Amino acid sequence: MSIQGSSLTAVVATAGVVGAAYYVYNIYKEYQKIELPKVWNEVGTLKDLYVYPIKSCAPVILKTVECTTLGLRDGWLRDRVLMVVDDKNNFITARAYPQLLLVHPLIRNSILTLNYNGMETLHVNLAEVIALQKPQPAQVWGVTVPVYYCGWEASEWFSRLLNKTADSFRLMYYASQNSRNLKSTTNKFFKITKKDTGAFPDEVAFNLINQASVDDLNTRLDEDCHVTPRNFRPNFVLTGAKPYEEDNWKFIKIGNNVFEIVKPCLRCILTTIDPETGVYNAKTEPLKMLKTYRQIENPEIRRTTGSSPRMGLQMVLRSEPGNTISLNDTIYAA
């Protein structure tokens, strides 16, 4: 939607004379209707479909899923709407606690089930969590988010898993139907709006990886350092495209869902942890290799991103929510 004449006048008056034009321009950019492509090129098919109910934990593999403004959804199963926090309500990830990658969640109806080898199975009723808890604040990348506390049993379970005292860690459930707020520095170079960030993903609600790019990366790595798409924690795995062909795309279409590619996905140390074992790669691969040939080329952006290499696409939903995506769907690009 766009801001019309009288609204723009009011915004200018509020912002003041100094800097008003810049302020209005940025507000206009955020709300203007994005023109979607009319011509699409077939680039491949959807090979794998992943949803990560708990930030940094193992994925649930699906065949069909619904696209919403908060990310992928299958009933109560939603992408990255749960997270583990420390005793100060700051989120934690597998970067510091790689055991999280081996926690296997499952959600049926409103019951979250957690499994980890060597520990008892835990069940949490998310409907009861919503009914009995009041929202409280937690922190994700310096942004305050509303969350529900998932109870003492889940807290004790995760605390024992991470070898800490019984009240060191707590499981939290996102307490909003809207995307979390943007950190003030997030959108310096990229077209991310306040509707695009989802609940607890690092940046935006959808991520795609090209299988051919992963295959090419493996040709550059020693055999004992080979990786799979799961090292990159995507929602969508594309097969049938050429390696790094995705660098030139601006939009993706899967089924009736249109996504805008707002930025390349910049990679961190998490990619060096084996998602099957939770063990760090001793050679810091594939991150070390990616840094040799997958750097951001724009020097201005590079000053902000540093040496983080790109691999995969960060995408946001630009079509109406509520449509589905299924395995083997044709993927188009523009």
Protein backbone atom coordinates (compact mmCIF):
# COMPACT_ATOMS: atom_id res chain seq x y z
CA MET A 1 0.00 0.00 0.00
CA SER A 2 1.14 3.60 -0.48
CA ILE A 3 0.86 6.70 1.68
CA GLN A 4 -1.37 9.31 0.06
CA GLY A 5 -1.20 13.12 0.07
CA SER A 6 -2.73 14.11 3.42
CA SER A 7 -0.88 11.37 5.28
CA LEU A 8 2.41 12.45 3.78
CA THR A 9 1.74 16.04 4.87
CA ALA A 10 1.09 14.91 8.42
CA VAL A 11 4.27 12.86 8.48
CA VAL A 12 6.31 15.83 7.26
CA ALA A 13 4.83 18.08 9.94
CA THR A 14 5.65 15.56 12.63
CA ALA A 15 9.18 14.94 11.45
CA GLY A 16 10.02 18.63 11.23
CA VAL A 17 11.71 20.54 8.47
CA VAL A 18 15.21 19.16 9.03
CA GLY A 19 15.43 15.65 7.65
CA ALA A 20 11.70 15.48 6.88
CA ALA A 21 12.17 14.60 3.23
CA TYR A 22 14.52 11.72 4.09
CA TYR A 23 12.13 10.45 6.77
CA VAL A 24 9.13 10.48 4.46
CA TYR A 25 11.07 8.81 1.68
CA ASN A 26 11.96 5.88 3.92
CA ILE A 27 8.39 5.54 5.19
CA TYR A 28 7.17 5.59 1.60
CA LYS A 29 9.67 2.93 0.55
CA GLU A 30 8.51 0.65 3.35
CA TYR A 31 4.83 0.83 2.51
CA GLN A 32 4.70 1.23 -1.24
CA LYS A 33 3.31 -1.71 -3.17
CA ILE A 34 6.03 -3.84 -4.71
CA GLU A 35 5.57 -4.58 -8.39
CA LEU A 36 5.83 -8.33 -8.85
CA PRO A 37 7.34 -9.90 -11.98
CA LYS A 38 5.11 -10.91 -14.88
CA VAL A 39 7.68 -13.12 -16.60
CA TRP A 40 9.14 -16.15 -14.82
CA ASN A 41 11.84 -18.66 -15.76
CA GLU A 42 11.72 -22.24 -14.56
CA VAL A 43 14.91 -22.97 -12.62
CA GLY A 44 14.29 -26.28 -10.85
CA THR A 45 12.16 -28.13 -8.32
CA LEU A 46 11.72 -28.20 -4.55
CA LYS A 47 13.80 -31.11 -3.27
CA ASP A 48 13.47 -30.70 0.51
CA LEU A 49 11.22 -28.73 2.84
CA TYR A 50 12.29 -27.95 6.42
CA VAL A 51 10.60 -26.26 9.37
CA TYR A 52 12.54 -25.47 12.55
CA PRO A 53 10.06 -25.13 15.44
CA ILE A 54 12.80 -24.26 17.96
CA LYS A 55 15.57 -21.85 17.07
CA SER A 56 18.87 -23.77 16.64
CA CYS A 57 17.25 -27.19 17.13
CA ALA A 58 16.74 -29.93 14.54
CA PRO A 59 14.22 -29.48 11.71
CA VAL A 60 10.94 -31.19 11.00
CA ILE A 61 10.84 -32.51 7.42
CA LEU A 62 7.52 -31.92 5.68
CA LYS A 63 5.90 -32.70 2.33
CA THR A 64 3.40 -29.82 2.32
CA VAL A 65 3.33 -26.56 4.28
CA GLU A 66 1.46 -23.26 4.43
CA CYS A 67 3.19 -19.92 3.88
CA THR A 68 2.33 -17.15 6.37
CA THR A 69 3.79 -13.76 7.17
CA LEU A 70 5.54 -15.34 10.19
CA GLY A 71 7.03 -18.14 8.12
CA LEU A 72 6.14 -21.74 7.29
CA ARG A 73 3.27 -23.36 9.17
CA ASP A 74 1.48 -26.69 9.50
CA GLY A 75 -1.20 -26.21 12.15
CA TRP A 76 0.55 -25.64 15.49
CA LEU A 77 3.89 -26.44 13.86
CA ARG A 78 5.48 -23.12 12.89
CA ASP A 79 8.98 -22.08 11.95
CA ARG A 80 11.21 -20.70 14.72
CA VAL A 81 8.48 -19.69 17.16
CA LEU A 82 10.22 -21.31 20.14
CA MET A 83 13.67 -20.57 21.53
CA VAL A 84 15.83 -21.33 24.54
CA VAL A 85 16.95 -18.39 26.69
CA ASP A 86 19.43 -18.00 29.54
CA ASP A 87 18.67 -16.78 33.06
CA LYS A 88 18.57 -13.18 31.77
CA ASN A 89 16.05 -14.04 29.02
CA ASN A 90 18.65 -13.60 26.26
CA PHE A 91 18.33 -16.12 23.44
CA ILE A 92 20.99 -18.80 23.00
CA THR A 93 21.93 -20.73 19.85
CA ALA A 94 23.90 -23.75 18.72
CA ARG A 95 26.88 -21.50 18.07
CA ALA A 96 27.60 -21.70 21.79
CA TYR A 97 25.55 -24.81 22.60
CA PRO A 98 25.87 -27.26 19.66
CA GLN A 99 23.88 -29.90 21.57
CA LEU A 100 20.77 -27.95 20.55
CA LEU A 101 21.18 -29.20 16.98
CA LEU A 102 20.45 -32.73 18.22
CA VAL A 103 17.18 -31.83 19.95
CA HIS A 104 14.43 -33.23 17.73
CA PRO A 105 11.08 -31.45 18.14
CA LEU A 106 7.72 -32.63 16.89
CA ILE A 107 4.36 -30.86 17.18
CA ARG A 108 1.03 -32.63 16.80
CA ASN A 109 -2.09 -30.66 17.56
CA SER A 110 -0.80 -28.38 20.34
CA ILE A 111 1.61 -30.90 21.90
CA LEU A 112 5.31 -30.19 21.49
CA THR A 113 7.43 -33.34 21.92
CA LEU A 114 11.18 -33.09 22.49
CA ASN A 115 13.62 -35.94 21.96
CA TYR A 116 17.37 -36.10 22.61
CA ASN A 117 19.43 -39.28 22.66
CA GLY A 118 20.01 -40.37 26.24
CA MET A 119 17.30 -38.21 27.79
CA GLU A 120 13.65 -38.86 28.55
CA THR A 121 11.05 -37.58 26.08
CA LEU A 122 9.41 -34.32 27.12
CA HIS A 123 5.90 -33.12 26.23
CA VAL A 124 4.73 -29.50 26.41
CA ASN A 125 1.15 -28.44 25.71
CA LEU A 126 1.48 -25.13 23.87
CA ALA A 127 -2.25 -24.43 24.18
CA GLU A 128 -1.91 -24.57 27.96
CA VAL A 129 1.17 -22.34 27.80
CA ILE A 130 -0.85 -19.67 25.98
CA ALA A 131 -3.85 -20.06 28.30
CA LEU A 132 -1.92 -19.97 31.59
CA GLN A 133 1.03 -17.68 30.93
CA LYS A 134 1.27 -13.92 30.48
CA PRO A 135 3.68 -12.48 27.90
CA GLN A 136 7.05 -11.37 29.22
CA PRO A 137 10.05 -9.77 27.48
CA ALA A 138 13.04 -11.62 26.05
CA GLN A 139 15.90 -10.57 23.78
CA VAL A 140 16.76 -11.69 20.22
CA TRP A 141 19.77 -9.94 18.67
CA GLY A 142 19.23 -6.92 20.92
CA VAL A 143 15.50 -6.64 20.10
CA THR A 144 12.85 -7.12 22.80
CA VAL A 145 10.22 -9.73 21.90
CA PRO A 146 7.09 -10.91 23.78
CA VAL A 147 7.25 -14.55 24.89
CA TYR A 148 5.41 -17.13 26.96
CA TYR A 149 7.35 -19.22 29.49
CA CYS A 150 6.88 -22.90 28.66
CA GLY A 151 7.14 -24.13 32.24
CA TRP A 152 9.57 -25.56 34.77
CA GLU A 153 9.74 -29.06 33.27
CA ALA A 154 11.03 -27.74 29.93
CA SER A 155 13.43 -25.42 31.76
CA GLU A 156 14.84 -28.27 33.82
CA TRP A 157 15.09 -30.53 30.73
CA PHE A 158 17.11 -28.03 28.68
CA SER A 159 19.24 -27.07 31.68
CA ARG A 160 20.25 -30.69 32.25
CA LEU A 161 20.90 -31.13 28.53
CA LEU A 162 23.29 -28.19 28.51
CA ASN A 163 25.01 -29.37 31.72
CA LYS A 164 24.01 -26.40 33.82
CA THR A 165 21.97 -25.94 36.98
CA ALA A 166 18.27 -26.69 36.88
CA ASP A 167 17.14 -23.09 36.34
CA SER A 168 19.84 -21.84 33.93
CA PHE A 169 17.81 -22.13 30.73
CA ARG A 170 14.15 -21.75 29.80
CA LEU A 171 12.05 -22.58 26.77
CA MET A 172 10.01 -19.66 25.40
CA TYR A 173 7.13 -19.47 22.91
CA TYR A 174 6.49 -16.42 20.73
CA ALA A 175 3.57 -14.37 22.08
CA SER A 176 2.55 -12.34 19.02
CA GLN A 177 0.91 -12.76 15.63
CA ASN A 178 3.14 -10.05 14.16
CA SER A 179 6.76 -10.18 13.08
CA ARG A 180 9.26 -9.01 15.65
CA ASN A 181 10.65 -5.49 15.38
CA LEU A 182 13.70 -4.76 13.29
CA LYS A 183 16.98 -3.84 14.91
CA SER A 184 17.76 -0.26 13.90
CA THR A 185 20.88 -1.24 11.92
CA THR A 186 19.37 -4.25 10.12
CA ASN A 187 17.97 -2.44 7.13
CA LYS A 188 20.86 -0.18 6.14
CA PHE A 189 21.38 -1.77 2.72
CA PHE A 190 18.55 -4.25 2.20
CA LYS A 191 14.79 -4.01 1.60
CA ILE A 192 13.63 -5.71 4.79
CA THR A 193 10.41 -4.29 6.23
CA LYS A 194 8.93 -4.65 9.71
CA LYS A 195 6.59 -7.34 8.33
CA ASP A 196 9.37 -9.63 7.10
CA THR A 197 11.31 -10.76 10.16
CA GLY A 198 9.10 -13.59 11.42
CA ALA A 199 9.36 -14.63 15.08
CA PHE A 200 12.89 -15.80 15.98
CA PRO A 201 14.89 -16.29 12.75
CA ASP A 202 18.12 -14.30 12.66
CA GLU A 203 16.87 -11.99 9.90
CA VAL A 204 13.85 -12.95 7.79
CA ALA A 205 11.27 -15.71 7.67
CA PHE A 206 12.34 -17.74 4.59
CA ASN A 207 15.64 -19.19 3.38
CA LEU A 208 16.53 -21.13 0.24
CA ILE A 209 19.69 -23.07 -0.64
CA ASN A 210 20.68 -24.33 -4.09
CA GLN A 211 21.77 -27.99 -4.03
CA ALA A 212 24.10 -27.38 -7.00
CA SER A 213 25.93 -24.65 -5.07
CA VAL A 214 26.43 -27.03 -2.14
CA ASP A 215 27.68 -29.69 -4.56
CA ASP A 216 30.16 -27.25 -6.08
CA LEU A 217 31.37 -26.27 -2.61
CA ASN A 218 32.02 -29.94 -1.84
CA THR A 219 34.29 -30.24 -4.90
CA ARG A 220 36.51 -27.60 -3.26
CA LEU A 221 36.55 -29.23 0.18
CA ASP A 222 38.53 -32.19 1.45
CA GLU A 223 36.36 -35.30 1.50
CA ASP A 224 36.26 -35.40 5.30
CA CYS A 225 34.80 -31.86 5.30
CA HIS A 226 31.89 -32.41 2.91
CA VAL A 227 28.61 -30.75 3.87
CA THR A 228 24.92 -31.08 3.04
CA PRO A 229 22.22 -28.41 2.69
CA ARG A 230 21.37 -29.04 6.35
CA ASN A 231 24.61 -27.33 7.38
CA PHE A 232 22.95 -24.13 6.13
CA ARG A 233 19.56 -24.66 7.83
CA PRO A 234 17.35 -23.71 4.86
CA ASN A 235 13.59 -23.91 4.58
CA PHE A 236 13.76 -24.78 0.87
CA VAL A 237 16.30 -26.87 -1.04
CA LEU A 238 16.31 -26.25 -4.79
CA THR A 239 17.52 -28.87 -7.26
CA GLY A 240 17.99 -28.49 -11.01
CA ALA A 241 19.66 -25.07 -11.14
CA LYS A 242 23.29 -24.27 -11.93
CA PRO A 243 25.77 -23.54 -9.14
CA TYR A 244 25.40 -19.99 -7.79
CA GLU A 245 22.79 -19.17 -10.44
CA GLU A 246 20.72 -17.84 -7.54
CA ASP A 247 23.08 -14.85 -7.20
CA ASN A 248 21.30 -13.17 -10.12
CA TRP A 249 17.70 -13.67 -9.03
CA LYS A 250 15.45 -11.01 -7.49
CA PHE A 251 12.26 -13.04 -6.98
CA ILE A 252 11.33 -16.70 -6.45
CA LYS A 253 7.96 -18.34 -7.09
CA ILE A 254 6.96 -21.71 -5.60
CA GLY A 255 3.36 -22.73 -6.24
CA ASN A 256 1.29 -19.57 -5.82
CA ASN A 257 3.79 -18.06 -3.40
CA VAL A 258 6.02 -15.20 -4.54
CA PHE A 259 9.11 -14.31 -2.52
CA GLU A 260 11.37 -11.32 -2.90
CA ILE A 261 15.07 -12.01 -2.37
CA VAL A 262 16.09 -9.21 -0.03
CA LYS A 263 19.70 -10.24 0.57
CA PRO A 264 22.17 -13.11 0.29
CA CYS A 265 22.46 -15.23 3.42
CA LEU A 266 25.73 -14.41 5.17
CA ARG A 267 27.25 -17.39 6.89
CA CYS A 268 28.76 -17.87 10.34
CA ILE A 269 30.46 -20.49 12.49
CA LEU A 270 27.19 -22.44 12.79
CA THR A 271 27.81 -23.92 9.32
CA THR A 272 30.91 -25.70 10.67
CA ILE A 273 28.91 -27.85 13.12
CA ASP A 274 27.85 -31.25 11.81
CA PRO A 275 24.03 -31.24 12.11
CA GLU A 276 24.03 -35.01 12.65
CA THR A 277 26.63 -35.11 15.47
CA GLY A 278 26.81 -31.60 16.90
CA VAL A 279 30.61 -31.63 16.49
CA TYR A 280 32.59 -28.66 15.16
CA ASN A 281 34.73 -29.23 12.07
CA ALA A 282 38.39 -29.12 13.14
CA LYS A 283 39.33 -27.26 9.93
CA THR A 284 36.55 -24.67 10.34
CA GLU A 285 34.99 -25.86 7.11
CA PRO A 286 33.03 -25.04 5.06
CA LEU A 287 33.31 -21.47 6.37
CA LYS A 288 37.04 -21.21 5.67
CA MET A 289 36.61 -22.26 2.03
CA LEU A 290 33.55 -20.06 1.48
CA LYS A 291 35.53 -17.03 2.60
CA THR A 292 37.98 -17.57 -0.27
CA TYR A 293 35.42 -17.15 -3.07
CA ARG A 294 31.98 -16.14 -1.76
CA GLN A 295 32.58 -12.68 -0.30
CA ILE A 296 30.21 -9.72 -0.70
CA GLU A 297 31.59 -7.67 -3.59
CA ASN A 298 30.03 -4.28 -2.80
CA PRO A 299 32.72 -2.47 -0.73
CA GLU A 300 30.20 -0.38 1.22
CA ILE A 301 28.19 -3.42 2.28
CA ARG A 302 31.40 -5.34 2.95
CA ARG A 303 32.42 -2.77 5.55
CA THR A 304 29.28 -3.75 7.49
CA THR A 305 29.27 -7.51 6.88
CA GLY A 306 33.01 -8.05 7.27
CA SER A 307 34.36 -11.36 6.01
CA SER A 308 31.09 -13.31 6.31
CA PRO A 309 30.64 -15.22 3.02
CA ARG A 310 27.33 -15.64 1.21
CA MET A 311 25.59 -18.95 0.61
CA GLY A 312 21.84 -19.15 0.02
CA LEU A 313 19.06 -16.60 -0.18
CA GLN A 314 17.13 -14.65 2.44
CA MET A 315 13.56 -14.23 1.16
CA VAL A 316 10.33 -12.55 2.24
CA LEU A 317 6.74 -13.30 1.23
CA ARG A 318 5.31 -10.78 -1.23
CA SER A 319 2.14 -12.66 -2.23
CA GLU A 320 -0.94 -13.19 -0.08
CA PRO A 321 -0.37 -15.53 2.89
CA GLY A 322 -2.24 -18.81 3.19
CA ASN A 323 -1.08 -20.62 0.04
CA THR A 324 0.72 -23.95 0.28
CA ILE A 325 4.05 -25.30 -0.94
CA SER A 326 4.71 -29.00 -1.61
CA LEU A 327 7.71 -31.19 -2.37
CA ASN A 328 8.53 -31.39 -6.10
CA ASP A 329 6.82 -28.07 -6.82
CA THR A 330 8.39 -26.29 -9.76
CA ILE A 331 10.50 -23.30 -8.73
CA TYR A 332 10.60 -20.20 -10.92
CA ALA A 333 12.88 -17.19 -10.74
CA ALA A 334 12.82 -13.62 -12.05
